[in-house]
């Protein structure tokens, strides 16, 4: 059973997340030859203040 853990900045709509998980599920099934019921996707919304790249918080932009 493929399980995807996706972390992204908060602020995306439910519809955007819906389209995202449908696309990931569809592609996973095509490539791995599995049924959609075996694909799990866990989305974690992260505040920009809790994510840093190159020593700089994204909230500092």
PDB file of N, CA and C in Angstrom:
ATOM      1  N   UNK A   1       0.848  -1.171   0.000  1.00  0.00           N
ATOM      2  CA  UNK A   1       0.000   0.000   0.000  1.00  0.00           C
ATOM      3  C   UNK A   1       0.896   1.237   0.000  1.00  0.00           C
ATOM      4  N   UNK A   2       0.909   2.019  -1.073  1.00  0.00           N
ATOM      5  CA  UNK A   2       1.698   3.246  -1.064  1.00  0.00           C
ATOM      6  C   UNK A   2       1.034   4.295  -0.161  1.00  0.00           C
ATOM      7  N   UNK A   3       1.866   4.903   0.678  1.00  0.00           N
ATOM      8  CA  UNK A   3       1.404   5.997   1.521  1.00  0.00           C
ATOM      9  C   UNK A   3       2.302   7.192   1.281  1.00  0.00           C
ATOM     10  N   UNK A   4       1.688   8.311   0.962  1.00  0.00           N
ATOM     11  CA  UNK A   4       2.409   9.549   0.705  1.00  0.00           C
ATOM     12  C   UNK A   4       2.185  10.511   1.869  1.00  0.00           C
ATOM     13  N   UNK A   5       3.270  11.086   2.365  1.00  0.00           N
ATOM     14  CA  UNK A   5       3.200  12.128   3.377  1.00  0.00           C
ATOM     15  C   UNK A   5       3.620  13.420   2.680  1.00  0.00           C
ATOM     16  N   UNK A   6       2.697  14.361   2.575  1.00  0.00           N
ATOM     17  CA  UNK A   6       2.943  15.603   1.850  1.00  0.00           C
ATOM     18  C   UNK A   6       2.877  16.767   2.838  1.00  0.00           C
ATOM     19  N   UNK A   7       3.936  17.545   2.881  1.00  0.00           N
ATOM     20  CA  UNK A   7       3.948  18.746   3.696  1.00  0.00           C
ATOM     21  C   UNK A   7       4.000  19.934   2.755  1.00  0.00           C
ATOM     22  N   UNK A   8       3.136  20.904   3.007  1.00  0.00           N
ATOM     23  CA  UNK A   8       3.115  22.099   2.180  1.00  0.00           C
ATOM     24  C   UNK A   8       2.623  23.276   3.002  1.00  0.00           C
ATOM     25  N   UNK A   9       2.912  24.460   2.511  1.00  0.00           N
ATOM     26  CA  UNK A   9       2.463  25.643   3.216  1.00  0.00           C
ATOM     27  C   UNK A   9       0.943  25.667   3.283  1.00  0.00           C
ATOM     28  N   UNK A  10       0.423  26.108   4.412  1.00  0.00           N
ATOM     29  CA  UNK A  10      -1.014  26.225   4.562  1.00  0.00           C
ATOM     30  C   UNK A  10      -1.540  27.296   3.603  1.00  0.00           C
ATOM     31  N   UNK A  11      -2.838  27.235   3.353  1.00  0.00           N
ATOM     32  CA  UNK A  11      -3.459  28.253   2.517  1.00  0.00           C
ATOM     33  C   UNK A  11      -4.108  27.715   1.261  1.00  0.00           C
ATOM     34  N   UNK A  12      -3.890  26.460   0.957  1.00  0.00           N
ATOM     35  CA  UNK A  12      -4.542  25.895  -0.224  1.00  0.00           C
ATOM     36  C   UNK A  12      -5.973  25.528   0.115  1.00  0.00           C
ATOM     37  N   UNK A  13      -6.829  25.621  -0.867  1.00  0.00           N
ATOM     38  CA  UNK A  13      -8.246  25.341  -0.643  1.00  0.00           C
ATOM     39  C   UNK A  13      -8.497  23.839  -0.616  1.00  0.00           C
ATOM     40  N   UNK A  14      -9.651  23.479  -0.090  1.00  0.00           N
ATOM     41  CA  UNK A  14     -10.047  22.068  -0.088  1.00  0.00           C
ATOM     42  C   UNK A  14     -10.137  21.558  -1.517  1.00  0.00           C
ATOM     43  N   UNK A  15     -10.621  22.381  -2.428  1.00  0.00           N
ATOM     44  CA  UNK A  15     -10.732  21.951  -3.833  1.00  0.00           C
ATOM     45  C   UNK A  15      -9.349  21.697  -4.430  1.00  0.00           C
ATOM     46  N   UNK A  16      -8.371  22.526  -4.134  1.00  0.00           N
ATOM     47  CA  UNK A  16      -7.010  22.291  -4.624  1.00  0.00           C
ATOM     48  C   UNK A  16      -6.463  20.986  -4.069  1.00  0.00           C
ATOM     49  N   UNK A  17      -6.687  20.729  -2.796  1.00  0.00           N
ATOM     50  CA  UNK A  17      -6.223  19.475  -2.191  1.00  0.00           C
ATOM     51  C   UNK A  17      -6.946  18.286  -2.800  1.00  0.00           C
ATOM     52  N   UNK A  18      -8.227  18.434  -3.054  1.00  0.00           N
ATOM     53  CA  UNK A  18      -9.017  17.361  -3.677  1.00  0.00           C
ATOM     54  C   UNK A  18      -8.435  17.007  -5.046  1.00  0.00           C
ATOM     55  N   UNK A  19      -8.171  18.017  -5.855  1.00  0.00           N
ATOM     56  CA  UNK A  19      -7.608  17.778  -7.191  1.00  0.00           C
ATOM     57  C   UNK A  19      -6.218  17.152  -7.098  1.00  0.00           C
ATOM     58  N   UNK A  20      -5.445  17.612  -6.132  1.00  0.00           N
ATOM     59  CA  UNK A  20      -4.096  17.082  -5.936  1.00  0.00           C
ATOM     60  C   UNK A  20      -4.120  15.600  -5.600  1.00  0.00           C
ATOM     61  N   UNK A  21      -4.941  15.204  -4.605  1.00  0.00           N
ATOM     62  CA  UNK A  21      -4.960  13.791  -4.204  1.00  0.00           C
ATOM     63  C   UNK A  21      -5.554  12.901  -5.295  1.00  0.00           C
ATOM     64  N   UNK A  22      -6.505  13.428  -6.064  1.00  0.00           N
ATOM     65  CA  UNK A  22      -7.042  12.645  -7.177  1.00  0.00           C
ATOM     66  C   UNK A  22      -5.964  12.394  -8.222  1.00  0.00           C
ATOM     67  N   UNK A  23      -5.160  13.412  -8.525  1.00  0.00           N
ATOM     68  CA  UNK A  23      -4.101  13.268  -9.527  1.00  0.00           C
ATOM     69  C   UNK A  23      -3.002  12.323  -9.048  1.00  0.00           C
ATOM     70  N   UNK A  24      -2.597  12.462  -7.796  1.00  0.00           N
ATOM     71  CA  UNK A  24      -1.561  11.578  -7.245  1.00  0.00           C
ATOM     72  C   UNK A  24      -2.047  10.133  -7.222  1.00  0.00           C
ATOM     73  N   UNK A  25      -3.288   9.930  -6.804  1.00  0.00           N
ATOM     74  CA  UNK A  25      -3.848   8.580  -6.752  1.00  0.00           C
ATOM     75  C   UNK A  25      -3.917   7.965  -8.143  1.00  0.00           C
ATOM     76  N   UNK A  26      -4.429   8.730  -9.103  1.00  0.00           N
ATOM     77  CA  UNK A  26      -4.560   8.237 -10.477  1.00  0.00           C
ATOM     78  C   UNK A  26      -3.185   7.836 -11.037  1.00  0.00           C
ATOM     79  N   UNK A  27      -2.187   8.701 -10.883  1.00  0.00           N
ATOM     80  CA  UNK A  27      -0.857   8.413 -11.417  1.00  0.00           C
ATOM     81  C   UNK A  27      -0.216   7.220 -10.715  1.00  0.00           C
ATOM     82  N   UNK A  28      -0.384   7.140  -9.399  1.00  0.00           N
ATOM     83  CA  UNK A  28       0.166   6.011  -8.646  1.00  0.00           C
ATOM     84  C   UNK A  28      -0.422   4.702  -9.139  1.00  0.00           C
ATOM     85  N   UNK A  29      -1.721   4.675  -9.340  1.00  0.00           N
ATOM     86  CA  UNK A  29      -2.379   3.453  -9.818  1.00  0.00           C
ATOM     87  C   UNK A  29      -1.902   3.069 -11.214  1.00  0.00           C
ATOM     88  N   UNK A  30      -1.720   4.063 -12.084  1.00  0.00           N
ATOM     89  CA  UNK A  30      -1.241   3.788 -13.444  1.00  0.00           C
ATOM     90  C   UNK A  30       0.169   3.217 -13.430  1.00  0.00           C
ATOM     91  N   UNK A  31       1.039   3.801 -12.622  1.00  0.00           N
ATOM     92  CA  UNK A  31       2.443   3.400 -12.605  1.00  0.00           C
ATOM     93  C   UNK A  31       2.667   2.099 -11.839  1.00  0.00           C
ATOM     94  N   UNK A  32       2.016   1.960 -10.683  1.00  0.00           N
ATOM     95  CA  UNK A  32       2.264   0.795  -9.829  1.00  0.00           C
ATOM     96  C   UNK A  32       1.280  -0.346 -10.047  1.00  0.00           C
ATOM     97  N   UNK A  33       0.227  -0.095 -10.813  1.00  0.00           N
ATOM     98  CA  UNK A  33      -0.741  -1.147 -11.087  1.00  0.00           C
ATOM     99  C   UNK A  33      -1.550  -1.557  -9.872  1.00  0.00           C
ATOM    100  N   UNK A  34      -1.874  -0.597  -9.027  1.00  0.00           N
ATOM    101  CA  UNK A  34      -2.664  -0.902  -7.831  1.00  0.00           C
ATOM    102  C   UNK A  34      -4.035  -0.227  -7.930  1.00  0.00           C
ATOM    103  N   UNK A  35      -4.921  -0.601  -7.033  1.00  0.00           N
ATOM    104  CA  UNK A  35      -6.233   0.017  -6.986  1.00  0.00           C
ATOM    105  C   UNK A  35      -6.201   1.280  -6.134  1.00  0.00           C
ATOM    106  N   UNK A  36      -7.096   2.213  -6.391  1.00  0.00           N
ATOM    107  CA  UNK A  36      -7.108   3.463  -5.639  1.00  0.00           C
ATOM    108  C   UNK A  36      -7.343   3.269  -4.145  1.00  0.00           C
ATOM    109  N   UNK A  37      -7.999   2.186  -3.781  1.00  0.00           N
ATOM    110  CA  UNK A  37      -8.266   1.934  -2.360  1.00  0.00           C
ATOM    111  C   UNK A  37      -6.999   1.631  -1.564  1.00  0.00           C
ATOM    112  N   UNK A  38      -5.906   1.371  -2.267  1.00  0.00           N
ATOM    113  CA  UNK A  38      -4.657   1.059  -1.576  1.00  0.00           C
ATOM    114  C   UNK A  38      -3.728   2.273  -1.456  1.00  0.00           C
ATOM    115  N   UNK A  39      -4.147   3.412  -1.963  1.00  0.00           N
ATOM    116  CA  UNK A  39      -3.302   4.613  -1.938  1.00  0.00           C
ATOM    117  C   UNK A  39      -3.769   5.540  -0.817  1.00  0.00           C
ATOM    118  N   UNK A  40      -2.860   5.833   0.112  1.00  0.00           N
ATOM    119  CA  UNK A  40      -3.142   6.783   1.181  1.00  0.00           C
ATOM    120  C   UNK A  40      -2.275   8.018   0.994  1.00  0.00           C
ATOM    121  N   UNK A  41      -2.870   9.182   1.236  1.00  0.00           N
ATOM    122  CA  UNK A  41      -2.146  10.449   1.147  1.00  0.00           C
ATOM    123  C   UNK A  41      -2.459  11.242   2.407  1.00  0.00           C
ATOM    124  N   UNK A  42      -1.422  11.627   3.114  1.00  0.00           N
ATOM    125  CA  UNK A  42      -1.567  12.412   4.334  1.00  0.00           C
ATOM    126  C   UNK A  42      -0.991  13.793   4.062  1.00  0.00           C
ATOM    127  N   UNK A  43      -1.825  14.818   4.191  1.00  0.00           N
ATOM    128  CA  UNK A  43      -1.393  16.193   3.938  1.00  0.00           C
ATOM    129  C   UNK A  43      -1.227  16.912   5.269  1.00  0.00           C
ATOM    130  N   UNK A  44      -0.075  17.527   5.452  1.00  0.00           N
ATOM    131  CA  UNK A  44       0.178  18.337   6.639  1.00  0.00           C
ATOM    132  C   UNK A  44       0.378  19.782   6.193  1.00  0.00           C
ATOM    133  N   UNK A  45      -0.503  20.664   6.650  1.00  0.00           N
ATOM    134  CA  UNK A  45      -0.352  22.090   6.373  1.00  0.00           C
ATOM    135  C   UNK A  45       0.645  22.675   7.368  1.00  0.00           C
ATOM    136  N   UNK A  46       1.634  23.375   6.856  1.00  0.00           N
ATOM    137  CA  UNK A  46       2.695  23.925   7.692  1.00  0.00           C
ATOM    138  C   UNK A  46       2.675  25.448   7.572  1.00  0.00           C
ATOM    139  N   UNK A  47       2.729  26.114   8.710  1.00  0.00           N
ATOM    140  CA  UNK A  47       2.831  27.573   8.707  1.00  0.00           C
ATOM    141  C   UNK A  47       4.210  27.972   8.205  1.00  0.00           C
ATOM    142  N   UNK A  48       4.278  29.081   7.500  1.00  0.00           N
ATOM    143  CA  UNK A  48       5.562  29.555   6.963  1.00  0.00           C
ATOM    144  C   UNK A  48       6.581  29.808   8.071  1.00  0.00           C
ATOM    145  N   UNK A  49       6.108  30.125   9.264  1.00  0.00           N
ATOM    146  CA  UNK A  49       7.021  30.372  10.382  1.00  0.00           C
ATOM    147  C   UNK A  49       7.649  29.091  10.905  1.00  0.00           C
ATOM    148  N   UNK A  50       7.144  27.941  10.472  1.00  0.00           N
ATOM    149  CA  UNK A  50       7.665  26.646  10.913  1.00  0.00           C
ATOM    150  C   UNK A  50       8.466  25.931   9.836  1.00  0.00           C
ATOM    151  N   UNK A  51       8.845  26.653   8.785  1.00  0.00           N
ATOM    152  CA  UNK A  51       9.594  26.050   7.681  1.00  0.00           C
ATOM    153  C   UNK A  51      10.736  26.994   7.332  1.00  0.00           C
ATOM    154  N   UNK A  52      11.927  26.438   7.192  1.00  0.00           N
ATOM    155  CA  UNK A  52      13.092  27.255   6.849  1.00  0.00           C
ATOM    156  C   UNK A  52      13.873  26.599   5.727  1.00  0.00           C
ATOM    157  N   UNK A  53      14.460  27.418   4.895  1.00  0.00           N
ATOM    158  CA  UNK A  53      15.347  26.971   3.830  1.00  0.00           C
ATOM    159  C   UNK A  53      16.577  27.859   3.864  1.00  0.00           C
ATOM    160  N   UNK A  54      17.728  27.242   3.799  1.00  0.00           N
ATOM    161  CA  UNK A  54      19.008  27.972   3.782  1.00  0.00           C
ATOM    162  C   UNK A  54      19.141  28.885   4.991  1.00  0.00           C
ATOM    163  N   UNK A  55      18.658  28.441   6.146  1.00  0.00           N
ATOM    164  CA  UNK A  55      18.804  29.194   7.372  1.00  0.00           C
ATOM    165  C   UNK A  55      17.874  30.379   7.520  1.00  0.00           C
ATOM    166  N   UNK A  56      16.811  30.420   6.708  1.00  0.00           N
ATOM    167  CA  UNK A  56      15.903  31.557   6.746  1.00  0.00           C
ATOM    168  C   UNK A  56      14.452  31.048   6.789  1.00  0.00           C
ATOM    169  N   UNK A  57      13.674  31.561   7.739  1.00  0.00           N
ATOM    170  CA  UNK A  57      12.269  31.214   7.806  1.00  0.00           C
ATOM    171  C   UNK A  57      11.521  31.775   6.600  1.00  0.00           C
ATOM    172  N   UNK A  58      10.601  30.994   6.079  1.00  0.00           N
ATOM    173  CA  UNK A  58       9.806  31.461   4.949  1.00  0.00           C
ATOM    174  C   UNK A  58       8.927  32.641   5.335  1.00  0.00           C
ATOM    175  N   UNK A  59       8.569  32.740   6.590  1.00  0.00           N
ATOM    176  CA  UNK A  59       7.737  33.868   7.037  1.00  0.00           C
ATOM    177  C   UNK A  59       8.512  35.185   7.032  1.00  0.00           C
ATOM    178  N   UNK A  60       9.839  35.122   6.910  1.00  0.00           N
ATOM    179  CA  UNK A  60      10.648  36.336   6.891  1.00  0.00           C
ATOM    180  C   UNK A  60      10.708  36.986   5.507  1.00  0.00           C
ATOM    181  N   UNK A  61      10.134  36.354   4.510  1.00  0.00           N
ATOM    182  CA  UNK A  61      10.140  36.944   3.159  1.00  0.00           C
ATOM    183  C   UNK A  61       9.204  38.116   3.059  1.00  0.00           C
TER     184      UNK A  61
END
